[in-house]
Amino acid sequence: MNYNDPDQIIDILDQASIQNRLDPLREGHMLNLPNYGQVVMTGDLHGCIHNFKKLQWLADLERVVHRHVIVHELIHANGNSNADGDDSLLLLIQAARWKIDYPDQVHFLMGNHDLAQLTDREISKGGAASIANFNKWIADRFGESAARKILTKINEFLLSLPLAARSPNRIWFSHSLPGTHAMDYFDFSLFSRDWEAADYVPKGSLYELLWGRNHTAEQLAELAGLLNIDFFILGHQRKEQGYDLQYEKLIILASDHNLGCFLPIDLARRYTFKELAERIKFFYELPDLPD
């Protein structure tokens, strides 16, 4: 693939968007994982191609046909950018290509940076204006006309992403969860219905799902009961040590730096929280791969 060819980039995004919507595990905006095989959950990737390539090597999807991989928060690299620009566009295209190659095994979840890109609601990350820099880098690289087409297709791709996944062994996977302040008005039909303009802004259910932080033990217990699950695996929050364990209910993963983590989970068995935590792996434990 020629990553300098806007037509090829547009075609990849188009094909991947279709595969996201046709995902056989998908029901509404949810992914329902099977009761066999394995899922590998990541945290935010934010343009970290180094860890993404290790993830592809580990997953070995051509050989292990019952393995699923969930990735999220690919764009707006900033601190992970190289001298040539924003690696997150390249990561987005490589991940989209992976989805086309393995449509039944590669899955995405929508993140808050995806929503921000869709709504042009600026994010400051590492002291930089993430959306403005991302858009400018694409315009500088491809020219204004091609950049407009690429950004339109990126938005279509982001809109095709599901919101969450759940497994029969009672584990929930999403970018985040609504904060405690949103519990009184969060609309759980968000996962099955068409979204409205009010969902995309603060106090809207889509916004609150993707931006929520600072969850409490009481709130997690309430959500677990409402969703009929035992444990939550999320990203969204910066974790310098790679992960965080909260209230024996929640695991937060970060995958976008040298201590980035991932979590392989066998879908055919139940886990205790301690057993899940013991399965967390670091990307640095995997072999380095050529660029």
Foldseek 3Di string as FASTA:
>chain_A
DDPLDLVVLLVLLVLLLVLLQVAPQDAQLEGEQELFAKEKEFFAAALQVQLVVLVCVVPVCVVRVRYAYEYENQHQRVVNDDPLAGNSSVVVSVLSVVCNVNSNHYAYAYALVLLCLLVVPWDQDPNDGRNVRVLVSLCVSRNDVSSVSSSVSSNSSNVSHGAWYAAPLFEIEGAAAAAPVLPVPADPCNRHDDDDPQLSDPSHNVNRGRQYDDHDLVRLVVVCVVVVGQAYEHENDDDPQAWDDPNQHYIYGHQHDQNGKMFMDGSNDHDGSVVRVVRIDGSVVGDGDDD
